[in-house]
N, C-alpha and C. Protein backbone atom coordinates (compact mmCIF):
# COMPACT_ATOMS: atom_id res chain seq x y z
N MET A 1 13.10 8.61 -19.13
CA MET A 1 13.69 8.79 -17.46
C MET A 1 12.66 7.43 -16.85
N ALA A 2 13.61 6.73 -15.82
CA ALA A 2 13.17 5.88 -14.99
C ALA A 2 12.70 5.91 -13.48
N TYR A 3 11.19 5.03 -13.78
CA TYR A 3 10.42 5.94 -12.26
C TYR A 3 10.46 5.11 -11.19
N ALA A 4 10.11 5.37 -10.50
CA ALA A 4 10.61 4.46 -8.99
C ALA A 4 9.88 3.52 -8.14
N SER A 5 8.94 2.95 -9.26
CA SER A 5 7.62 2.20 -8.96
C SER A 5 7.97 1.18 -8.01
N SER A 6 9.18 0.33 -8.30
CA SER A 6 9.80 -0.83 -7.74
C SER A 6 9.88 -0.77 -6.62
N GLU A 7 10.88 0.77 -6.53
CA GLU A 7 11.12 0.63 -5.41
C GLU A 7 10.83 1.26 -4.19
N LEU A 8 9.37 1.92 -4.82
CA LEU A 8 8.54 2.40 -4.05
C LEU A 8 8.06 1.50 -3.13
N GLN A 9 7.38 0.51 -4.01
CA GLN A 9 6.57 -1.37 -3.67
C GLN A 9 7.54 -1.61 -2.43
N SER A 10 8.80 -1.41 -2.75
CA SER A 10 10.08 -2.60 -2.06
C SER A 10 9.48 -1.53 -0.86
N SER A 11 9.85 0.10 -0.67
CA SER A 11 9.60 0.68 0.66
C SER A 11 8.56 0.42 1.04
N ILE A 12 7.61 0.44 0.37
CA ILE A 12 6.01 0.38 0.88
C ILE A 12 6.25 -1.46 2.09
N PHE A 13 6.72 -2.11 1.43
CA PHE A 13 6.42 -3.63 1.71
C PHE A 13 7.06 -3.92 3.05
N ARG A 14 8.94 -2.50 3.31
CA ARG A 14 9.69 -3.32 4.25
C ARG A 14 8.96 -2.02 5.29
N THR A 15 7.92 -1.43 4.60
CA THR A 15 7.42 -0.51 5.98
C THR A 15 6.00 -1.50 6.48
N LEU A 16 5.48 -1.85 5.98
CA LEU A 16 4.23 -2.73 6.51
C LEU A 16 4.78 -4.06 6.99
N THR A 17 5.70 -5.18 6.48
CA THR A 17 6.15 -5.70 7.02
C THR A 17 7.30 -5.49 8.32
N GLY A 18 7.49 -4.08 8.70
CA GLY A 18 8.41 -3.87 9.62
C GLY A 18 7.53 -3.33 11.04
N ASP A 19 6.43 -3.48 10.66
CA ASP A 19 5.42 -2.61 11.67
C ASP A 19 5.22 -3.53 12.69
N PRO A 20 4.97 -3.77 13.85
CA PRO A 20 4.82 -4.97 14.40
C PRO A 20 3.04 -5.17 14.93
N ALA A 21 2.57 -3.80 14.76
CA ALA A 21 1.39 -3.78 15.65
C ALA A 21 0.16 -4.52 14.42
N LEU A 22 0.71 -4.22 13.02
CA LEU A 22 0.35 -4.47 12.02
C LEU A 22 0.65 -5.81 11.78
N LEU A 23 1.84 -6.79 11.95
CA LEU A 23 2.16 -8.10 12.21
C LEU A 23 1.05 -8.87 13.44
N SER A 24 1.18 -8.09 14.37
CA SER A 24 -0.22 -8.24 15.18
C SER A 24 -1.83 -9.09 15.04
N MET A 25 -2.05 -7.73 14.05
CA MET A 25 -3.30 -7.84 13.49
C MET A 25 -3.27 -8.79 12.56
N LEU A 26 -2.25 -9.17 11.57
CA LEU A 26 -2.42 -9.89 10.42
C LEU A 26 -1.78 -11.63 10.69
N GLY A 27 -1.16 -11.69 12.30
CA GLY A 27 -0.47 -13.26 12.29
C GLY A 27 0.68 -13.04 11.98
N GLY A 28 1.31 -12.48 11.44
CA GLY A 28 2.22 -12.94 10.91
C GLY A 28 2.59 -11.80 9.50
N PRO A 29 4.19 -11.86 8.93
CA PRO A 29 4.42 -10.80 8.09
C PRO A 29 3.55 -11.13 6.23
N LYS A 30 2.58 -11.19 6.47
CA LYS A 30 1.47 -11.55 5.23
C LYS A 30 0.89 -10.01 4.40
N VAL A 31 1.97 -9.52 4.00
CA VAL A 31 1.70 -9.06 3.18
C VAL A 31 2.44 -9.25 1.55
N PHE A 32 1.78 -9.37 0.90
CA PHE A 32 2.23 -9.90 -0.60
C PHE A 32 1.60 -9.52 -1.51
N ASP A 33 2.58 -9.34 -2.72
CA ASP A 33 2.26 -8.79 -3.90
C ASP A 33 1.90 -9.90 -5.19
N ARG A 34 2.19 -11.34 -4.74
CA ARG A 34 1.57 -12.43 -4.80
C ARG A 34 0.95 -13.34 -3.78
N VAL A 35 0.00 -13.44 -3.43
CA VAL A 35 -0.93 -14.09 -2.95
C VAL A 35 -0.25 -15.78 -2.45
N PRO A 36 0.13 -16.36 -1.92
CA PRO A 36 0.40 -17.65 -1.79
C PRO A 36 -0.72 -18.71 -1.63
N GLU A 37 -0.93 -19.96 -2.33
CA GLU A 37 -1.89 -20.70 -2.20
C GLU A 37 -2.42 -21.43 -1.66
N ARG A 38 -3.49 -21.01 -0.50
CA ARG A 38 -3.81 -21.55 1.04
C ARG A 38 -3.27 -20.29 1.89
N ALA A 39 -3.47 -19.36 1.51
CA ALA A 39 -2.68 -17.96 2.45
C ALA A 39 -4.10 -17.75 3.78
N SER A 40 -3.52 -17.58 4.81
CA SER A 40 -4.76 -17.82 6.16
C SER A 40 -5.40 -16.29 5.87
N PHE A 41 -6.62 -15.87 6.38
CA PHE A 41 -7.21 -14.54 6.50
C PHE A 41 -6.53 -14.38 7.69
N PRO A 42 -6.08 -13.27 8.10
CA PRO A 42 -6.16 -11.71 6.89
C PRO A 42 -4.78 -11.45 6.40
N TYR A 43 -4.93 -10.96 5.56
CA TYR A 43 -3.74 -10.29 5.14
C TYR A 43 -3.86 -8.98 3.81
N VAL A 44 -2.62 -8.87 3.36
CA VAL A 44 -3.04 -7.33 2.64
C VAL A 44 -1.72 -7.77 1.19
N THR A 45 -2.63 -6.96 0.29
CA THR A 45 -2.07 -7.31 -1.41
C THR A 45 -1.30 -5.76 -1.97
N LEU A 46 -0.23 -6.02 -2.37
CA LEU A 46 -0.02 -4.80 -3.20
C LEU A 46 -0.65 -4.99 -4.20
N GLY A 47 -1.76 -3.94 -4.72
CA GLY A 47 -1.99 -4.26 -6.26
C GLY A 47 -1.74 -3.69 -6.86
N ARG A 48 -2.97 -3.17 -7.87
CA ARG A 48 -2.18 -2.13 -9.37
C ARG A 48 -1.78 -0.78 -8.99
N THR A 49 -0.36 -0.76 -9.93
CA THR A 49 0.24 1.12 -9.80
C THR A 49 0.44 1.58 -11.50
N THR A 50 -0.23 2.94 -10.73
CA THR A 50 -0.35 3.49 -12.42
C THR A 50 0.52 4.77 -11.70
N VAL A 51 1.08 5.19 -13.31
CA VAL A 51 2.23 5.99 -12.97
C VAL A 51 2.44 6.80 -13.58
N VAL A 52 2.29 8.13 -13.91
CA VAL A 52 1.85 8.87 -14.68
C VAL A 52 3.11 10.35 -14.73
N ASP A 53 3.78 10.56 -16.07
CA ASP A 53 4.64 11.34 -15.64
C ASP A 53 4.27 12.86 -15.51
N TRP A 54 4.75 13.44 -14.28
CA TRP A 54 5.18 14.77 -13.49
C TRP A 54 5.72 15.43 -13.70
N SER A 55 6.20 15.67 -14.87
CA SER A 55 7.78 16.52 -15.05
C SER A 55 7.46 17.50 -15.36
N THR A 56 7.83 18.97 -14.67
CA THR A 56 7.86 19.98 -15.78
C THR A 56 8.48 20.33 -16.58
N GLY A 57 8.97 21.92 -17.24
CA GLY A 57 9.65 22.30 -17.85
C GLY A 57 10.95 22.18 -17.62
N THR A 58 11.19 22.28 -16.13
CA THR A 58 12.55 22.41 -15.53
C THR A 58 12.79 20.61 -14.44
N GLU A 59 11.98 20.01 -14.42
CA GLU A 59 12.05 19.33 -13.49
C GLU A 59 11.43 17.89 -13.59
N ASP A 60 12.07 16.33 -13.68
CA ASP A 60 11.60 15.60 -13.47
C ASP A 60 10.66 15.03 -12.91
N GLY A 61 9.84 14.01 -12.62
CA GLY A 61 9.04 13.58 -11.31
C GLY A 61 7.60 13.06 -12.01
N ALA A 62 7.38 11.62 -11.72
CA ALA A 62 6.63 10.64 -11.62
C ALA A 62 5.38 10.46 -9.97
N GLU A 63 3.86 10.50 -10.41
CA GLU A 63 2.89 10.69 -10.26
C GLU A 63 2.70 9.24 -9.61
N HIS A 64 2.65 8.58 -8.76
CA HIS A 64 2.13 7.52 -8.85
C HIS A 64 0.69 6.72 -7.91
N ILE A 65 -0.32 5.47 -8.65
CA ILE A 65 -1.15 6.04 -8.15
C ILE A 65 -1.42 4.24 -7.28
N LEU A 66 -1.45 4.11 -6.16
CA LEU A 66 -1.04 2.91 -5.26
C LEU A 66 -1.90 2.26 -4.93
N THR A 67 -2.63 0.96 -5.14
CA THR A 67 -3.86 0.71 -4.89
C THR A 67 -3.42 -0.79 -3.75
N LEU A 68 -3.33 -0.78 -2.36
CA LEU A 68 -3.82 -1.74 -1.63
C LEU A 68 -4.67 -2.94 -0.76
N HIS A 69 -4.63 -3.79 -0.72
CA HIS A 69 -5.82 -4.28 0.21
C HIS A 69 -5.96 -5.41 0.65
N VAL A 70 -7.21 -4.55 1.75
CA VAL A 70 -6.83 -5.65 2.54
C VAL A 70 -7.96 -6.99 2.64
N TRP A 71 -7.71 -7.99 2.77
CA TRP A 71 -8.00 -9.20 2.96
C TRP A 71 -9.07 -9.80 4.30
N ALA A 72 -10.09 -9.92 4.99
CA ALA A 72 -10.20 -10.52 6.38
C ALA A 72 -11.45 -11.56 6.02
N LYS A 73 -11.59 -12.49 7.13
CA LYS A 73 -12.62 -13.01 6.84
C LYS A 73 -13.04 -13.07 8.46
N GLY A 74 -12.96 -14.38 9.10
CA GLY A 74 -13.48 -14.12 11.04
C GLY A 74 -14.16 -13.03 11.20
N GLY A 75 -13.00 -11.70 11.46
CA GLY A 75 -13.29 -10.59 12.29
C GLY A 75 -14.43 -9.59 11.36
N GLY A 76 -14.92 -9.78 10.64
CA GLY A 76 -15.87 -8.54 9.92
C GLY A 76 -15.35 -7.60 9.91
N LYS A 77 -16.17 -6.88 9.44
CA LYS A 77 -15.89 -5.39 9.00
C LYS A 77 -15.08 -4.62 9.68
N ALA A 78 -14.92 -5.05 10.97
CA ALA A 78 -14.27 -4.54 11.70
C ALA A 78 -12.99 -4.46 12.04
N GLU A 79 -12.87 -5.78 12.18
CA GLU A 79 -11.37 -6.11 11.65
C GLU A 79 -10.55 -5.90 10.51
N THR A 80 -11.34 -5.64 9.25
CA THR A 80 -10.77 -4.51 8.16
C THR A 80 -10.49 -3.93 8.15
N TYR A 81 -11.60 -2.70 9.20
CA TYR A 81 -11.44 -1.28 9.35
C TYR A 81 -9.75 -0.79 10.39
N GLN A 82 -10.03 -2.10 11.27
CA GLN A 82 -8.64 -1.83 11.73
C GLN A 82 -7.39 -2.14 11.09
N ILE A 83 -7.20 -3.03 10.43
CA ILE A 83 -6.18 -2.95 9.50
C ILE A 83 -5.97 -2.11 8.77
N MET A 84 -6.79 -1.73 8.00
CA MET A 84 -7.03 -0.29 7.15
C MET A 84 -6.17 1.07 8.24
N ASP A 85 -6.91 0.77 8.86
CA ASP A 85 -6.15 2.11 9.91
C ASP A 85 -4.96 2.23 10.13
N GLN A 86 -4.30 1.13 10.37
CA GLN A 86 -3.07 0.42 10.71
C GLN A 86 -2.18 0.85 9.45
N VAL A 87 -2.49 0.37 8.21
CA VAL A 87 -1.65 0.84 7.09
C VAL A 87 -1.41 2.16 6.81
N THR A 88 -2.89 2.71 7.01
CA THR A 88 -2.93 4.28 6.68
C THR A 88 -1.83 4.69 8.06
N ASN A 89 -1.84 4.73 9.60
CA ASN A 89 -1.03 5.34 10.00
C ASN A 89 0.55 5.03 9.47
N GLN A 90 0.47 3.83 9.18
CA GLN A 90 2.32 4.05 8.40
C GLN A 90 2.61 4.54 7.25
N LEU A 91 1.63 4.45 6.32
CA LEU A 91 1.66 5.18 5.00
C LEU A 91 1.87 6.81 4.87
N HIS A 92 0.40 7.02 5.12
CA HIS A 92 -0.07 8.29 4.92
C HIS A 92 1.32 9.21 5.58
N ASP A 93 1.47 10.35 4.79
CA ASP A 93 2.64 11.66 4.91
C ASP A 93 4.00 10.59 5.02
N ALA A 94 4.28 9.51 5.28
CA ALA A 94 5.90 8.79 5.85
C ALA A 94 6.93 9.27 4.54
N HIS A 95 8.05 9.14 4.92
CA HIS A 95 8.93 9.87 4.30
C HIS A 95 9.97 8.58 3.87
N LEU A 96 9.33 7.88 3.29
CA LEU A 96 10.07 6.17 2.48
C LEU A 96 11.18 6.32 2.11
N PRO A 97 12.29 5.92 2.94
CA PRO A 97 13.21 5.87 2.19
C PRO A 97 13.31 4.92 0.38
N LEU A 98 14.36 6.07 -0.67
CA LEU A 98 14.26 5.52 -2.17
C LEU A 98 15.88 5.36 -2.41
N THR A 99 16.08 4.46 -3.63
CA THR A 99 16.96 4.85 -4.04
C THR A 99 17.40 5.04 -5.11
N GLY A 100 17.73 5.98 -5.90
CA GLY A 100 17.64 6.97 -6.65
C GLY A 100 16.86 7.87 -7.00
N HIS A 101 15.47 8.15 -6.26
CA HIS A 101 14.59 8.78 -6.47
C HIS A 101 14.26 9.65 -4.77
N SER A 102 13.63 10.75 -4.59
CA SER A 102 13.24 11.11 -3.26
C SER A 102 11.61 10.85 -3.30
N LEU A 103 11.35 11.06 -2.79
CA LEU A 103 9.27 10.67 -2.06
C LEU A 103 9.26 11.93 -1.53
N VAL A 104 8.33 12.77 -2.78
CA VAL A 104 8.04 14.31 -2.35
C VAL A 104 6.66 14.18 -1.44
N ASN A 105 5.43 13.36 -2.06
CA ASN A 105 4.30 13.05 -1.03
C ASN A 105 3.82 11.69 -0.96
N LEU A 106 3.27 11.21 -0.04
CA LEU A 106 2.57 9.93 -0.23
C LEU A 106 1.59 9.73 0.82
N GLN A 107 0.27 10.01 0.35
CA GLN A 107 -1.10 10.69 1.20
C GLN A 107 -2.81 9.37 -0.02
N LEU A 108 -2.84 8.99 1.49
CA LEU A 108 -3.94 8.01 1.17
C LEU A 108 -5.00 9.22 0.05
N GLN A 109 -5.78 8.87 -0.95
CA GLN A 109 -6.82 9.24 -2.07
C GLN A 109 -7.82 8.58 -1.33
N PHE A 110 -8.32 7.80 -1.07
CA PHE A 110 -9.53 6.60 -1.35
C PHE A 110 -9.24 5.84 -0.09
N ALA A 111 -10.28 5.12 0.22
CA ALA A 111 -10.66 3.84 1.50
C ALA A 111 -12.07 3.65 1.49
N GLU A 112 -12.30 2.49 1.16
CA GLU A 112 -13.41 1.63 1.33
C GLU A 112 -12.79 0.36 1.52
N ALA A 113 -14.70 -0.52 2.61
CA ALA A 113 -14.59 -1.45 2.90
C ALA A 113 -15.76 -1.76 2.70
N ARG A 114 -16.02 -3.29 2.05
CA ARG A 114 -16.74 -4.12 2.02
C ARG A 114 -16.86 -5.95 2.01
N GLN A 115 -17.89 -5.91 1.93
CA GLN A 115 -18.12 -7.97 2.36
C GLN A 115 -18.22 -8.07 0.43
N GLU A 116 -17.76 -8.87 -0.36
CA GLU A 116 -17.02 -9.31 -0.92
C GLU A 116 -18.87 -9.95 -1.54
N PRO A 117 -19.42 -9.83 -2.89
CA PRO A 117 -20.78 -10.66 -2.85
C PRO A 117 -20.87 -12.14 -2.46
N GLU A 118 -21.84 -12.54 -1.71
CA GLU A 118 -21.76 -14.02 -1.89
C GLU A 118 -20.42 -14.72 -1.36
N SER A 119 -20.09 -14.07 0.05
CA SER A 119 -19.23 -14.96 0.71
C SER A 119 -18.41 -13.71 1.51
N ALA A 120 -18.34 -15.29 2.54
CA ALA A 120 -18.11 -14.17 4.44
C ALA A 120 -16.34 -12.99 3.90
N THR A 121 -15.98 -12.91 3.10
CA THR A 121 -14.38 -12.04 3.03
C THR A 121 -15.42 -11.01 2.76
N TYR A 122 -14.47 -10.04 3.78
CA TYR A 122 -13.86 -8.61 3.42
C TYR A 122 -13.18 -8.29 3.00
N HIS A 123 -13.42 -6.99 2.49
CA HIS A 123 -12.34 -6.50 1.06
C HIS A 123 -12.51 -5.04 1.71
N GLY A 124 -10.94 -4.70 1.96
CA GLY A 124 -10.95 -3.47 2.10
C GLY A 124 -9.48 -2.81 0.51
N ILE A 125 -10.10 -1.44 0.24
CA ILE A 125 -9.45 -1.14 -0.63
C ILE A 125 -8.67 0.50 -0.41
N LEU A 126 -7.28 0.78 -0.08
CA LEU A 126 -6.98 2.19 0.00
C LEU A 126 -5.82 2.14 -1.04
N ARG A 127 -6.63 3.45 -1.48
CA ARG A 127 -5.33 3.87 -2.72
C ARG A 127 -4.81 5.23 -1.93
N PHE A 128 -3.50 5.30 -2.48
CA PHE A 128 -2.58 6.24 -2.36
C PHE A 128 -1.92 6.83 -3.44
N ARG A 129 -1.66 8.06 -3.45
CA ARG A 129 -0.95 8.77 -4.38
C ARG A 129 0.54 9.27 -4.02
N ALA A 130 1.23 8.57 -4.44
CA ALA A 130 2.88 9.07 -3.92
C ALA A 130 3.74 10.02 -5.20
N VAL A 131 4.54 11.05 -4.80
CA VAL A 131 5.16 12.12 -6.02
C VAL A 131 6.54 11.53 -5.80
N THR A 132 7.24 11.38 -6.93
CA THR A 132 8.49 11.10 -6.37
C THR A 132 9.71 11.89 -8.04
N GLU A 133 10.76 11.87 -7.09
CA GLU A 133 11.28 12.96 -8.38
C GLU A 133 12.87 11.95 -8.37
N PRO A 134 13.70 11.96 -9.17
CA PRO A 134 14.89 11.43 -9.26
C PRO A 134 15.60 12.26 -8.70
N VAL A 135 16.72 11.91 -8.08
CA VAL A 135 17.79 12.38 -7.41
C VAL A 135 18.63 12.52 -8.33
N ALA A 136 19.58 14.17 -8.42
CA ALA A 136 19.96 14.91 -9.29
C ALA A 136 21.90 14.04 -9.11
């Protein structure tokens, strides 16, 4: 069975970079799979994805655990929370388009904001759970 992970990540990327409110908070389309050298704060990174077979005896499916990271500096934890809230508003219960698969659900499962040790950088972590099924 082919999993929808790459298509799901692409759809999340398009959703986030297409949100004018988030782009305003980030100062541009700063949503990265791989952070460019000298990227300015704040920005969002697409982190680890874990996929588990979610098939039943009659239907195929997959559970995706997706982690997104918010990185901020000058605005403190309040800026980190604002960006995390906007990302969550765009993704929680969203009906994102996928090619070859359908997104059954996408929900926030975990959120954490913290200051990195011995640094002025704030780190927000958002973990989402998505279930996908192949289109028949």
